[in-house]
Amino acid sequence: MPTVSVRPLHMTDIPALLRFEITNRDWFESQIDPRAADFYSVQGITAHVEDYLRGFAEGTWQPLVLEEATQGIVGRANLKDIDSTRGCAEVGYRIDRRFCGQGLATLALQQLIHEARERWQLQYLVADVYTRNVGSSKVLERCGFVLEPPPAADPHKLDYRLVLGH
C-alpha cells in the first residue's frame, strides 16, 4: 500500500480536489450517481468544500481526504447526514482509480469508523452501494458491515449497516 495520510478537508485543498475529481470523473460515474456538470469547476468545487466544511461546523458532516506524498489527493471519505440524536450517519468514499485495489478504501472506511466512534459517539453507520460496485461491497463487508434485509428500495442498490460497539 502506498504511504497515504487521512486528514480533514481544508479550503486549501480546492485545486487538488478539482484535479482529483476531473481525473476520476468517468471512473466515479461508472460506480455512483454522476455529479452536476458545474461541479467540475473552481466555483463548483469551492461551493462543495464550503458546504462540507459548514456541515462539519454544524456537526452533520465529517469530510476527509486521503493524500499521497507525491500524488496529492488520491481519495475522499465522508460521514454524512450525522444524526447525533439517532446515533447514526452514512459513510461514503471515493478512491482514485489508479490506487484501487491497494487498501485505500479499507483505510478510509476504518478512519470513518474511528471518527464515528470517537468523535461523534455514533451507534451505527449505513452505506448504500450500487450492485455493480462489487469492490465497495467487499470493503464494507471486510470492515464489518452487513447487508440489510429487506433489499433497498432501488433494485440496483444494496443497503449495508454497521453497528458500532463502544
C-alpha atoms as a PDB file:
ATOM      1  CA  MET A   1       0.000   0.000   0.000  1.00  0.00           C
ATOM      2  CA  PRO A   2       1.332   3.481  -0.807  1.00  0.00           C
ATOM      3  CA  THR A   3       2.095   5.837   2.072  1.00  0.00           C
ATOM      4  CA  VAL A   4      -1.142   7.766   2.475  1.00  0.00           C
ATOM      5  CA  SER A   5      -2.364  10.067   5.200  1.00  0.00           C
ATOM      6  CA  VAL A   6      -6.018  10.608   6.049  1.00  0.00           C
ATOM      7  CA  ARG A   7      -6.778  14.125   7.186  1.00  0.00           C
ATOM      8  CA  PRO A   8      -9.597  16.684   7.363  1.00  0.00           C
ATOM      9  CA  LEU A   9     -10.633  18.534   4.219  1.00  0.00           C
ATOM     10  CA  HIS A  10      -9.459  22.186   4.066  1.00  0.00           C
ATOM     11  CA  MET A  11     -10.259  25.151   1.818  1.00  0.00           C
ATOM     12  CA  THR A  12      -6.668  24.981   0.569  1.00  0.00           C
ATOM     13  CA  ASP A  13      -7.499  21.577  -0.980  1.00  0.00           C
ATOM     14  CA  ILE A  14      -9.675  23.117  -3.720  1.00  0.00           C
ATOM     15  CA  PRO A  15      -7.138  22.951  -6.609  1.00  0.00           C
ATOM     16  CA  ALA A  16      -6.020  19.407  -5.753  1.00  0.00           C
ATOM     17  CA  LEU A  17      -9.589  18.261  -5.167  1.00  0.00           C
ATOM     18  CA  LEU A  18     -10.691  19.638  -8.535  1.00  0.00           C
ATOM     19  CA  ARG A  19      -7.838  17.743 -10.265  1.00  0.00           C
ATOM     20  CA  PHE A  20      -8.800  14.566  -8.401  1.00  0.00           C
ATOM     21  CA  GLU A  21     -12.479  14.855  -9.337  1.00  0.00           C
ATOM     22  CA  ILE A  22     -11.839  15.692 -13.017  1.00  0.00           C
ATOM     23  CA  THR A  23      -9.225  12.940 -13.415  1.00  0.00           C
ATOM     24  CA  ASN A  24     -11.572  10.338 -11.950  1.00  0.00           C
ATOM     25  CA  ARG A  25     -14.928  11.617 -13.222  1.00  0.00           C
ATOM     26  CA  ASP A  26     -15.616   8.809 -15.701  1.00  0.00           C
ATOM     27  CA  TRP A  27     -14.486   6.184 -13.203  1.00  0.00           C
ATOM     28  CA  PHE A  28     -16.675   7.557 -10.416  1.00  0.00           C
ATOM     29  CA  GLU A  29     -19.697   7.936 -12.678  1.00  0.00           C
ATOM     30  CA  SER A  30     -19.399   4.251 -13.634  1.00  0.00           C
ATOM     31  CA  GLN A  31     -19.767   3.381  -9.923  1.00  0.00           C
ATOM     32  CA  ILE A  32     -22.048   6.037  -8.398  1.00  0.00           C
ATOM     33  CA  ASP A  33     -24.524   8.733  -9.415  1.00  0.00           C
ATOM     34  CA  PRO A  34     -22.957  11.482 -11.545  1.00  0.00           C
ATOM     35  CA  ARG A  35     -22.496  14.984 -10.209  1.00  0.00           C
ATOM     36  CA  ALA A  36     -23.851  18.073 -11.990  1.00  0.00           C
ATOM     37  CA  ALA A  37     -21.564  19.393 -14.734  1.00  0.00           C
ATOM     38  CA  ASP A  38     -20.953  22.680 -12.891  1.00  0.00           C
ATOM     39  CA  PHE A  39     -19.400  20.739 -10.000  1.00  0.00           C
ATOM     40  CA  TYR A  40     -16.282  20.270 -12.154  1.00  0.00           C
ATOM     41  CA  SER A  41     -15.121  23.901 -11.932  1.00  0.00           C
ATOM     42  CA  VAL A  42     -13.276  26.037  -9.412  1.00  0.00           C
ATOM     43  CA  GLN A  43     -16.589  27.634  -8.428  1.00  0.00           C
ATOM     44  CA  GLY A  44     -18.307  24.257  -8.149  1.00  0.00           C
ATOM     45  CA  ILE A  45     -15.605  22.668  -6.011  1.00  0.00           C
ATOM     46  CA  THR A  46     -15.335  25.798  -3.873  1.00  0.00           C
ATOM     47  CA  ALA A  47     -19.071  25.740  -3.136  1.00  0.00           C
ATOM     48  CA  HIS A  48     -18.851  21.990  -2.455  1.00  0.00           C
ATOM     49  CA  VAL A  49     -15.981  22.372   0.030  1.00  0.00           C
ATOM     50  CA  GLU A  50     -17.682  25.331   1.721  1.00  0.00           C
ATOM     51  CA  ASP A  51     -20.858  23.236   2.139  1.00  0.00           C
ATOM     52  CA  TYR A  52     -18.927  20.302   3.584  1.00  0.00           C
ATOM     53  CA  LEU A  53     -16.968  22.494   5.998  1.00  0.00           C
ATOM     54  CA  ARG A  54     -20.166  24.254   7.072  1.00  0.00           C
ATOM     55  CA  GLY A  55     -21.703  20.824   7.689  1.00  0.00           C
ATOM     56  CA  PHE A  56     -18.669  19.862   9.766  1.00  0.00           C
ATOM     57  CA  ALA A  57     -19.016  23.035  11.847  1.00  0.00           C
ATOM     58  CA  GLU A  58     -22.716  22.218  12.339  1.00  0.00           C
ATOM     59  CA  GLY A  59     -21.969  18.601  13.295  1.00  0.00           C
ATOM     60  CA  THR A  60     -23.651  16.975  10.288  1.00  0.00           C
ATOM     61  CA  TRP A  61     -20.586  16.076   8.150  1.00  0.00           C
ATOM     62  CA  GLN A  62     -17.067  14.732   8.655  1.00  0.00           C
ATOM     63  CA  PRO A  63     -15.150  15.334   5.384  1.00  0.00           C
ATOM     64  CA  LEU A  64     -11.720  13.724   4.992  1.00  0.00           C
ATOM     65  CA  VAL A  65      -9.175  13.411   2.189  1.00  0.00           C
ATOM     66  CA  LEU A  66      -6.595  10.729   1.528  1.00  0.00           C
ATOM     67  CA  GLU A  67      -3.293  12.249   0.470  1.00  0.00           C
ATOM     68  CA  GLU A  68      -0.257  10.545  -1.017  1.00  0.00           C
ATOM     69  CA  ALA A  69       3.020  12.480  -0.688  1.00  0.00           C
ATOM     70  CA  THR A  70       3.840  12.696  -4.416  1.00  0.00           C
ATOM     71  CA  GLN A  71       0.384  12.309  -5.983  1.00  0.00           C
ATOM     72  CA  GLY A  72      -1.657  14.667  -3.793  1.00  0.00           C
ATOM     73  CA  ILE A  73      -5.294  13.785  -3.089  1.00  0.00           C
ATOM     74  CA  VAL A  74      -5.983  10.164  -4.025  1.00  0.00           C
ATOM     75  CA  GLY A  75      -9.240   9.666  -2.163  1.00  0.00           C
ATOM     76  CA  ARG A  76     -12.059  11.147  -0.158  1.00  0.00           C
ATOM     77  CA  ALA A  77     -14.087   9.808   2.736  1.00  0.00           C
ATOM     78  CA  ASN A  78     -17.101  11.305   4.474  1.00  0.00           C
ATOM     79  CA  LEU A  79     -19.501  10.750   7.276  1.00  0.00           C
ATOM     80  CA  LYS A  80     -22.641  12.476   6.074  1.00  0.00           C
ATOM     81  CA  ASP A  81     -26.055  13.175   7.498  1.00  0.00           C
ATOM     82  CA  ILE A  82     -24.669  12.734  11.010  1.00  0.00           C
ATOM     83  CA  ASP A  83     -27.649  12.471  13.330  1.00  0.00           C
ATOM     84  CA  SER A  84     -26.439  12.642  16.917  1.00  0.00           C
ATOM     85  CA  THR A  85     -29.967  12.161  18.259  1.00  0.00           C
ATOM     86  CA  ARG A  86     -30.412   8.844  16.444  1.00  0.00           C
ATOM     87  CA  GLY A  87     -26.696   7.996  16.720  1.00  0.00           C
ATOM     88  CA  CYS A  88     -26.175   7.323  13.028  1.00  0.00           C
ATOM     89  CA  ALA A  89     -24.514   8.566   9.844  1.00  0.00           C
ATOM     90  CA  GLU A  90     -23.946   7.459   6.269  1.00  0.00           C
ATOM     91  CA  VAL A  91     -20.457   6.626   5.017  1.00  0.00           C
ATOM     92  CA  GLY A  92     -19.100   7.418   1.589  1.00  0.00           C
ATOM     93  CA  TYR A  93     -15.696   7.231  -0.044  1.00  0.00           C
ATOM     94  CA  ARG A  94     -14.105   7.733  -3.470  1.00  0.00           C
ATOM     95  CA  ILE A  95     -10.683   6.380  -4.385  1.00  0.00           C
ATOM     96  CA  ASP A  96      -8.563   7.419  -7.377  1.00  0.00           C
ATOM     97  CA  ARG A  97      -8.819   4.659  -9.984  1.00  0.00           C
ATOM     98  CA  ARG A  98      -5.011   4.364 -10.134  1.00  0.00           C
ATOM     99  CA  PHE A  99      -4.987   3.482  -6.430  1.00  0.00           C
ATOM    100  CA  CYS A 100      -7.856   0.980  -6.328  1.00  0.00           C
ATOM    101  CA  GLY A 101      -7.018  -2.467  -5.009  1.00  0.00           C
ATOM    102  CA  GLN A 102      -4.266  -1.110  -2.744  1.00  0.00           C
ATOM    103  CA  GLY A 103      -6.212  -0.980   0.524  1.00  0.00           C
ATOM    104  CA  LEU A 104      -7.096   2.716   0.454  1.00  0.00           C
ATOM    105  CA  ALA A 105     -10.866   2.216   0.572  1.00  0.00           C
ATOM    106  CA  THR A 106     -10.396  -0.016   3.606  1.00  0.00           C
ATOM    107  CA  LEU A 107      -8.107   2.594   5.194  1.00  0.00           C
ATOM    108  CA  ALA A 108     -10.680   5.320   4.506  1.00  0.00           C
ATOM    109  CA  LEU A 109     -13.559   3.291   5.907  1.00  0.00           C
ATOM    110  CA  GLN A 110     -11.586   2.313   9.003  1.00  0.00           C
ATOM    111  CA  GLN A 111     -10.890   6.012   9.636  1.00  0.00           C
ATOM    112  CA  LEU A 112     -14.592   6.837   9.225  1.00  0.00           C
ATOM    113  CA  ILE A 113     -15.492   4.100  11.707  1.00  0.00           C
ATOM    114  CA  HIS A 114     -12.930   5.507  14.149  1.00  0.00           C
ATOM    115  CA  GLU A 115     -14.307   9.058  13.754  1.00  0.00           C
ATOM    116  CA  ALA A 116     -17.879   7.798  14.184  1.00  0.00           C
ATOM    117  CA  ARG A 117     -16.977   6.080  17.450  1.00  0.00           C
ATOM    118  CA  GLU A 118     -14.529   8.522  18.973  1.00  0.00           C
ATOM    119  CA  ARG A 119     -15.546  11.976  17.761  1.00  0.00           C
ATOM    120  CA  TRP A 120     -19.282  11.559  17.219  1.00  0.00           C
ATOM    121  CA  GLN A 121     -20.170   8.648  19.601  1.00  0.00           C
ATOM    122  CA  LEU A 122     -22.463   7.130  16.965  1.00  0.00           C
ATOM    123  CA  GLN A 123     -24.250   3.809  17.398  1.00  0.00           C
ATOM    124  CA  TYR A 124     -24.366   2.700  13.766  1.00  0.00           C
ATOM    125  CA  LEU A 125     -23.340   3.553  10.229  1.00  0.00           C
ATOM    126  CA  VAL A 126     -25.090   2.905   6.934  1.00  0.00           C
ATOM    127  CA  ALA A 127     -23.906   2.704   3.325  1.00  0.00           C
ATOM    128  CA  ASP A 128     -25.736   2.467   0.009  1.00  0.00           C
ATOM    129  CA  VAL A 129     -23.861   0.701  -2.785  1.00  0.00           C
ATOM    130  CA  TYR A 130     -24.862   0.027  -6.371  1.00  0.00           C
ATOM    131  CA  THR A 131     -24.949  -3.688  -7.093  1.00  0.00           C
ATOM    132  CA  ARG A 132     -22.367  -3.201  -9.874  1.00  0.00           C
ATOM    133  CA  ASN A 133     -19.894  -1.759  -7.340  1.00  0.00           C
ATOM    134  CA  VAL A 134     -18.603  -5.105  -6.110  1.00  0.00           C
ATOM    135  CA  GLY A 135     -15.376  -3.602  -4.762  1.00  0.00           C
ATOM    136  CA  SER A 136     -17.187  -1.327  -2.324  1.00  0.00           C
ATOM    137  CA  SER A 137     -19.402  -4.179  -1.152  1.00  0.00           C
ATOM    138  CA  LYS A 138     -16.279  -6.219  -0.373  1.00  0.00           C
ATOM    139  CA  VAL A 139     -14.678  -3.317   1.505  1.00  0.00           C
ATOM    140  CA  LEU A 140     -17.830  -2.764   3.584  1.00  0.00           C
ATOM    141  CA  GLU A 141     -18.079  -6.459   4.451  1.00  0.00           C
ATOM    142  CA  ARG A 142     -14.349  -6.622   5.295  1.00  0.00           C
ATOM    143  CA  CYS A 143     -14.878  -3.749   7.743  1.00  0.00           C
ATOM    144  CA  GLY A 144     -17.834  -5.443   9.465  1.00  0.00           C
ATOM    145  CA  PHE A 145     -20.847  -4.027   7.604  1.00  0.00           C
ATOM    146  CA  VAL A 146     -23.670  -6.464   6.943  1.00  0.00           C
ATOM    147  CA  LEU A 147     -26.244  -6.411   4.180  1.00  0.00           C
ATOM    148  CA  GLU A 148     -29.572  -5.114   5.457  1.00  0.00           C
ATOM    149  CA  PRO A 149     -32.748  -7.003   4.727  1.00  0.00           C
ATOM    150  CA  PRO A 150     -35.053  -6.282   3.050  1.00  0.00           C
ATOM    151  CA  PRO A 151     -33.405  -5.174  -0.192  1.00  0.00           C
ATOM    152  CA  ALA A 152     -33.030  -1.458  -0.865  1.00  0.00           C
ATOM    153  CA  ALA A 153     -35.958   0.420  -2.388  1.00  0.00           C
ATOM    154  CA  ASP A 154     -33.824   0.815  -5.530  1.00  0.00           C
ATOM    155  CA  PRO A 155     -33.244  -2.672  -7.008  1.00  0.00           C
ATOM    156  CA  HIS A 156     -29.828  -1.521  -8.244  1.00  0.00           C
ATOM    157  CA  LYS A 157     -28.597  -0.627  -4.737  1.00  0.00           C
ATOM    158  CA  LEU A 158     -27.640  -2.605  -1.672  1.00  0.00           C
ATOM    159  CA  ASP A 159     -28.034  -1.244   1.855  1.00  0.00           C
ATOM    160  CA  TYR A 160     -25.348  -2.049   4.413  1.00  0.00           C
ATOM    161  CA  ARG A 161     -25.233  -1.346   8.156  1.00  0.00           C
ATOM    162  CA  LEU A 162     -22.532  -1.486  10.818  1.00  0.00           C
ATOM    163  CA  VAL A 163     -23.458  -1.494  14.484  1.00  0.00           C
ATOM    164  CA  LEU A 164     -20.701   0.203  16.451  1.00  0.00           C
ATOM    165  CA  GLY A 165     -19.673  -1.297  19.751  1.00  0.00           C
ATOM    166  CA  HIS A 166     -18.126   1.119  22.206  1.00  0.00           C
END
